[in-house]
Protein backbone atom coordinates (compact mmCIF):
# COMPACT_ATOMS: atom_id res chain seq x y z
CA MET A 1 45.00 98.08 44.00
CA GLN A 2 42.56 99.78 45.48
CA ALA A 3 41.26 103.06 44.27
CA THR A 4 41.26 106.20 46.31
CA HIS A 5 38.32 108.18 46.89
CA ILE A 6 38.39 111.68 45.98
CA PRO A 7 35.98 113.89 48.42
CA VAL A 8 33.81 115.81 46.07
CA LEU A 9 33.62 119.91 46.72
CA LEU A 10 35.68 119.18 49.52
CA GLU A 11 36.81 122.74 49.97
CA GLU A 12 33.50 124.36 49.21
CA ALA A 13 31.58 121.93 51.73
CA VAL A 14 34.09 122.88 54.56
CA ALA A 15 33.98 126.60 53.89
CA ALA A 16 30.15 126.72 53.67
CA LEU A 17 29.82 124.86 57.11
CA ASN A 18 31.85 128.08 58.41
CA LEU A 19 33.38 126.00 61.14
CA HIS A 20 35.99 127.33 64.04
CA PRO A 21 38.56 125.92 66.27
CA HIS A 22 36.79 123.94 68.91
CA ASP A 23 33.35 123.63 66.96
CA THR A 24 31.18 120.20 66.96
CA ALA A 25 30.03 118.82 63.87
CA ILE A 26 28.23 115.63 62.22
CA ASP A 27 29.06 114.29 59.25
CA CYS A 28 25.92 112.20 58.21
CA THR A 29 27.73 110.06 55.58
CA ILE A 30 31.40 109.70 56.51
CA GLY A 31 32.34 107.28 53.81
CA GLY A 32 35.98 107.31 52.81
CA GLY A 33 36.54 110.16 55.32
CA GLY A 34 37.70 112.73 53.04
CA HIS A 35 35.39 115.38 54.12
CA ALA A 36 35.60 114.61 57.96
CA GLU A 37 39.40 114.94 58.04
CA ALA A 38 38.93 118.37 56.67
CA ILE A 39 36.07 119.02 59.24
CA LEU A 40 38.59 117.61 62.10
CA ARG A 41 41.10 119.77 60.60
CA ALA A 42 39.35 122.91 60.69
CA THR A 43 38.03 122.19 64.53
CA ALA A 44 41.40 121.25 65.75
CA PRO A 45 42.65 121.16 68.39
CA ASP A 46 39.28 119.44 70.14
CA GLY A 47 36.47 119.94 67.99
CA LYS A 48 34.18 116.96 67.80
CA LEU A 49 33.03 114.97 65.25
CA LEU A 50 29.92 112.42 65.07
CA ALA A 51 30.35 110.31 62.11
CA LEU A 52 27.81 108.42 60.76
CA ASP A 53 27.34 105.60 57.75
CA MET A 54 24.88 102.89 56.86
CA ASP A 55 28.22 101.19 55.28
CA SER A 56 30.15 99.46 57.88
CA THR A 57 33.25 98.81 55.11
CA ALA A 58 32.96 102.50 54.72
CA LEU A 59 33.10 103.04 58.44
CA ASP A 60 36.35 100.52 58.85
CA ALA A 61 38.15 102.46 55.92
CA SER A 62 37.28 105.94 57.82
CA ARG A 63 38.76 104.88 61.26
CA LYS A 64 41.72 103.95 59.53
CA ARG A 65 42.15 107.28 57.92
CA LEU A 66 41.09 109.19 60.83
CA GLU A 67 43.29 107.43 63.27
CA GLN A 68 45.20 110.44 64.06
CA PHE A 69 41.89 111.91 65.35
CA GLN A 70 40.29 109.22 67.18
CA SER A 71 39.95 110.68 70.29
CA ARG A 72 37.69 113.61 68.81
CA VAL A 73 35.63 111.26 66.74
CA THR A 74 32.42 109.09 67.58
CA PHE A 75 31.74 106.54 65.04
CA ILE A 76 28.05 105.19 64.42
CA HIS A 77 27.04 102.37 62.27
CA ASP A 78 23.38 103.68 61.49
CA ASN A 79 21.22 105.50 59.04
CA PHE A 80 21.25 109.18 59.05
CA LYS A 81 17.24 108.77 58.98
CA ASN A 82 17.70 108.16 62.78
CA LEU A 83 19.86 111.46 63.34
CA LYS A 84 17.80 112.84 65.88
CA GLN A 85 17.91 109.60 68.07
CA ILE A 86 21.38 109.25 67.08
CA TYR A 87 22.11 112.71 68.69
CA ASN A 88 20.15 112.53 71.66
CA GLU A 89 21.58 108.84 72.76
CA ARG A 90 25.08 109.25 71.80
CA PHE A 91 26.26 112.78 71.38
CA ALA A 92 23.50 115.35 73.29
CA LEU A 93 26.21 116.73 75.65
CA HIS A 94 27.42 118.46 72.45
CA LYS A 95 25.93 121.63 70.79
CA ILE A 96 26.33 120.86 67.13
CA ASP A 97 27.77 123.40 64.80
CA GLY A 98 27.74 121.89 61.67
CA ILE A 99 25.88 118.85 59.75
CA LEU A 100 27.11 117.69 56.20
CA PHE A 101 25.46 114.95 53.94
CA ASP A 102 27.43 113.70 51.07
CA LEU A 103 24.67 111.58 49.35
CA GLY A 104 26.98 110.25 46.74
CA LEU A 105 28.81 106.82 46.73
CA SER A 106 32.22 106.46 47.77
CA THR A 107 35.08 104.86 45.04
CA LEU A 108 35.12 101.99 47.42
CA GLU A 109 31.42 101.21 47.22
CA LEU A 110 31.59 101.58 43.14
CA GLU A 111 34.46 99.35 42.94
CA ASP A 112 33.22 96.65 45.70
CA GLN A 113 32.92 93.57 43.83
CA SER A 114 30.81 92.17 46.09
CA ARG A 115 27.99 94.33 45.99
CA GLY A 116 27.12 95.11 42.26
CA PHE A 117 26.71 99.03 42.26
CA SER A 118 28.20 99.49 39.14
CA PHE A 119 27.69 97.92 35.76
CA SER A 120 31.36 97.79 34.71
CA ILE A 121 32.11 95.28 37.38
CA ASN A 122 30.44 91.73 37.03
CA ALA A 123 29.25 91.23 40.62
CA PRO A 124 26.46 89.87 42.69
CA LEU A 125 22.86 91.85 42.38
CA ASP A 126 22.88 93.39 45.94
CA MET A 127 23.31 97.11 46.03
CA ARG A 128 22.85 97.48 49.63
CA PHE A 129 24.80 100.07 51.97
CA ASP A 130 24.07 98.26 54.80
CA ALA A 131 24.37 94.48 55.09
CA ARG A 132 22.16 94.22 57.88
CA THR A 133 19.18 94.90 55.71
CA ALA A 134 17.31 92.41 53.87
CA LEU A 135 16.22 93.97 50.35
CA THR A 136 18.71 93.43 47.74
CA ALA A 137 18.36 94.94 43.92
CA ALA A 138 18.29 90.98 43.07
CA ASP A 139 14.94 90.74 44.94
CA ILE A 140 13.36 93.64 43.06
CA VAL A 141 14.11 92.27 39.48
CA ASN A 142 13.39 88.82 39.92
CA THR A 143 10.10 89.12 42.34
CA TRP A 144 8.63 92.24 41.96
CA PRO A 145 5.68 92.80 39.75
CA ASP A 146 5.96 94.36 36.53
CA TYR A 147 3.74 97.63 37.58
CA LYS A 148 6.03 98.09 40.42
CA LEU A 149 9.31 97.46 38.62
CA GLN A 150 8.43 99.78 35.86
CA LYS A 151 7.47 102.64 38.90
CA VAL A 152 10.96 102.35 40.27
CA ILE A 153 12.87 102.50 36.98
CA ARG A 154 10.82 105.35 35.88
CA GLU A 155 10.62 107.45 38.94
CA TYR A 156 13.68 106.62 40.65
CA GLY A 157 15.85 106.20 37.48
CA ASP A 158 14.13 109.35 35.49
CA GLU A 159 14.31 106.30 32.68
CA PRO A 160 11.82 107.18 29.27
CA LEU A 161 12.21 103.71 28.46
CA ALA A 162 10.74 102.19 31.86
CA ASN A 163 7.92 100.12 30.16
CA GLU A 164 10.23 98.65 27.48
CA ILE A 165 13.10 97.79 29.86
CA THR A 166 10.76 96.43 32.40
CA ARG A 167 9.41 94.32 29.57
CA THR A 168 12.89 93.05 28.70
CA ILE A 169 13.70 92.47 32.16
CA ILE A 170 10.83 90.17 32.90
CA ARG A 171 11.24 88.22 30.00
CA ALA A 172 14.79 87.71 30.79
CA ARG A 173 13.70 86.58 34.50
CA GLN A 174 11.13 84.26 33.25
CA GLN A 175 14.12 82.06 31.15
CA ARG A 176 16.57 82.37 34.37
CA PRO A 177 17.02 84.14 37.67
CA LEU A 178 19.23 87.65 37.23
CA THR A 179 21.91 87.44 39.83
CA LYS A 180 24.71 89.29 38.57
CA THR A 181 25.45 92.58 37.47
CA LYS A 182 25.96 91.38 34.18
CA ASP A 183 22.66 89.56 34.00
CA LEU A 184 21.13 92.89 34.23
CA VAL A 185 22.76 94.75 31.86
CA GLU A 186 22.04 91.92 29.17
CA ALA A 187 18.52 92.34 30.30
CA VAL A 188 18.23 96.08 29.91
CA LEU A 189 20.46 96.51 26.33
CA PRO A 190 17.50 94.93 24.10
CA ALA A 191 14.99 97.44 25.15
CA PHE A 192 17.80 100.22 23.88
CA ARG A 193 18.52 98.21 20.40
CA LYS A 194 14.96 97.61 19.73
CA ILE A 195 13.71 101.67 19.99
CA LEU A 196 16.98 102.48 18.10
CA LYS A 197 17.00 99.84 15.90
CA SER A 198 20.38 99.23 16.31
CA THR A 199 22.44 96.10 16.24
CA LYS A 200 25.49 97.64 18.37
CA GLU A 201 26.13 95.65 21.57
CA VAL A 202 25.97 98.54 23.59
CA PRO A 203 23.51 101.41 21.74
CA TRP A 204 24.89 104.46 23.73
CA ILE A 205 22.29 107.18 24.95
CA GLY A 206 23.34 110.73 25.60
CA GLY A 207 26.84 109.85 26.42
CA ILE A 208 25.63 107.36 29.45
CA HIS A 209 25.54 103.63 29.49
CA PRO A 210 21.90 102.42 28.88
CA ALA A 211 21.84 100.40 32.26
CA THR A 212 23.15 103.56 34.08
CA LYS A 213 19.56 104.84 35.21
CA THR A 214 18.13 101.59 35.73
CA PHE A 215 21.17 100.78 38.05
CA GLN A 216 20.47 104.27 39.98
CA ALA A 217 16.73 103.28 40.42
CA LEU A 218 17.44 99.93 42.26
CA ARG A 219 20.07 101.32 44.27
CA ILE A 220 17.98 104.07 45.62
CA ALA A 221 15.09 101.76 46.01
CA VAL A 222 17.07 99.16 47.89
CA ASN A 223 18.43 101.86 50.34
CA GLY A 224 15.29 103.99 50.62
CA GLU A 225 17.66 106.98 49.75
CA LEU A 226 15.11 109.54 48.98
CA GLY A 227 12.97 108.84 52.13
CA ASN A 228 16.19 109.19 54.12
CA ILE A 229 16.87 112.37 53.14
CA GLU A 230 13.33 113.34 53.70
CA SER A 231 13.20 112.19 57.00
CA ALA A 232 16.66 113.43 58.06
CA LEU A 233 16.66 117.37 56.92
CA PRO A 234 14.01 118.25 59.92
CA GLN A 235 15.74 116.46 62.29
CA ALA A 236 19.03 118.42 61.15
CA VAL A 237 17.35 121.56 61.46
CA GLU A 238 16.21 120.73 64.72
CA ILE A 239 19.39 119.69 66.43
CA ILE A 240 21.62 122.11 65.02
CA GLY A 241 22.80 125.46 66.81
CA ALA A 242 20.99 128.85 65.72
CA GLY A 243 23.62 130.51 63.19
CA ARG A 244 24.78 127.27 62.03
CA ARG A 245 25.06 125.30 58.79
CA ILE A 246 23.62 122.46 57.07
CA ALA A 247 25.53 121.38 53.85
CA VAL A 248 23.99 118.78 51.29
CA ILE A 249 25.67 117.28 48.59
CA THR A 250 23.74 115.88 45.77
CA PHE A 251 24.46 113.93 42.72
CA HIS A 252 21.19 113.53 40.43
CA SER A 253 18.06 115.48 40.57
CA LEU A 254 15.62 113.56 42.80
CA GLU A 255 17.65 114.17 45.96
CA ASP A 256 18.35 117.72 44.94
CA ARG A 257 14.69 118.85 44.28
CA ILE A 258 14.12 117.23 48.07
CA VAL A 259 17.07 119.25 49.22
CA LYS A 260 16.25 122.12 47.21
CA ASN A 261 12.78 122.67 47.93
CA PHE A 262 12.86 121.53 51.89
CA PHE A 263 15.47 124.62 52.19
CA ARG A 264 13.27 126.96 50.45
CA ARG A 265 10.12 126.16 52.19
CA GLU A 266 11.83 126.22 55.58
CA SER A 267 13.11 129.74 54.78
CA HIS A 268 9.96 131.39 54.54
CA ASP A 269 7.41 132.34 57.26
CA CYS A 270 4.11 131.57 55.06
CA ILE A 271 3.91 128.27 53.18
CA CYS A 272 0.26 128.81 52.02
CA PRO A 273 -0.38 128.41 48.70
CA PRO A 274 0.25 131.64 46.66
CA GLU A 275 -3.81 132.03 45.68
CA GLN A 276 -4.88 131.84 49.23
CA PRO A 277 -5.35 135.33 50.45
CA THR A 278 -4.67 135.05 53.98
CA CYS A 279 -2.26 132.89 55.93
CA THR A 280 -3.38 130.08 57.91
CA CYS A 281 -0.44 127.49 57.97
CA GLY A 282 1.40 129.25 61.09
CA HIS A 283 4.53 128.58 59.56
CA HIS A 284 7.80 130.20 60.75
CA ALA A 285 11.04 130.34 58.60
CA THR A 286 13.61 127.85 60.28
CA VAL A 287 16.73 128.70 57.81
CA ARG A 288 18.18 131.17 55.62
CA LEU A 289 19.52 130.04 52.24
CA VAL A 290 23.23 130.46 52.36
CA SER A 291 23.69 130.67 48.54
CA LYS A 292 20.07 130.66 46.44
CA LYS A 293 21.90 128.55 43.50
CA ALA A 294 23.51 125.08 44.10
CA ILE A 295 27.39 125.71 44.15
CA ARG A 296 29.05 123.21 41.29
CA PRO A 297 32.46 122.03 41.11
CA THR A 298 34.98 123.80 39.42
CA SER A 299 36.42 122.70 35.97
CA GLU A 300 39.74 121.99 37.74
CA GLU A 301 37.59 119.65 40.06
CA LEU A 302 35.90 118.10 37.25
CA ASN A 303 39.56 117.56 35.25
CA ARG A 304 40.86 115.99 38.58
CA ASN A 305 37.68 114.02 39.47
CA PRO A 306 35.02 113.19 36.60
CA ARG A 307 32.98 111.55 38.91
CA SER A 308 32.18 115.07 40.38
CA ARG A 309 30.17 116.36 37.16
CA SER A 310 26.69 116.00 38.64
CA ALA A 311 27.52 117.00 42.25
CA GLN A 312 25.61 120.24 43.59
CA LEU A 313 26.07 121.57 47.04
CA ARG A 314 23.15 123.55 48.91
CA VAL A 315 23.74 125.43 52.17
CA ALA A 316 21.24 126.72 55.05
CA GLU A 317 21.87 128.32 58.01
CA LYS A 318 19.60 127.71 61.46
CA ILE A 319 17.60 130.88 62.37
């Protein structure tokens, strides 16, 4: 039985966008369509939605979910890093009243047995959102040099044992290629057993599976996730209307830092170094922060959907 995807921070995100009937919005990561459905209801009876996703499977699922709204939705299989180009080519007749980015994986993706996003399912070591792209997680772990693999695991996984994990992966791939998620998990665990002097099959660290950060790092590298959001945020500010809002839901500190720093920088006129006596940057604020602190899930949502525990919502309004 296929699991149902539960949209994270649903009420908070839609409320933060402050949409009204007849408004037009963009969902840059439509996923299973949960946020999109709420947006379409908020903008009824004839508000429009531009729906993007890198994942064709997610687009198919959302098309089915949103069938009753099909005349109001334009579905695009593309990366939101191309947001401005997509808008100009496919949606430029509409002024944009709200833009949502939900940067998390959907349940459909996590439980897809063909792509290997989760270490709990023994699947091909793929991790691509978009099957049209070439690079896979298997390519990285089997062919990248040790220094490059170590850098990915350390920086994208925020993994303190990156050196040790890289060494155990290199040793494992010298024996045979790592092609399945189970192969990668078995290559990662010896690093933790050695450091912890543990004989346990899975030596737990801080409540999370030892392979969690390595899987996160590889997924980010495969899909260029951090570069995508860095590229898309300025485009979102450019195309959205004055007084309208951009909402971003993040799920780990790396992407949240990018969003927080971008919104904070764009909410100030001068972005020169503090020690500089006079302004030379010529920068002018483009947004105001709707909330200085990130919005987090309620205890009720955490109980209903434990996967929401790391979610944070940040919102900015175009000046």
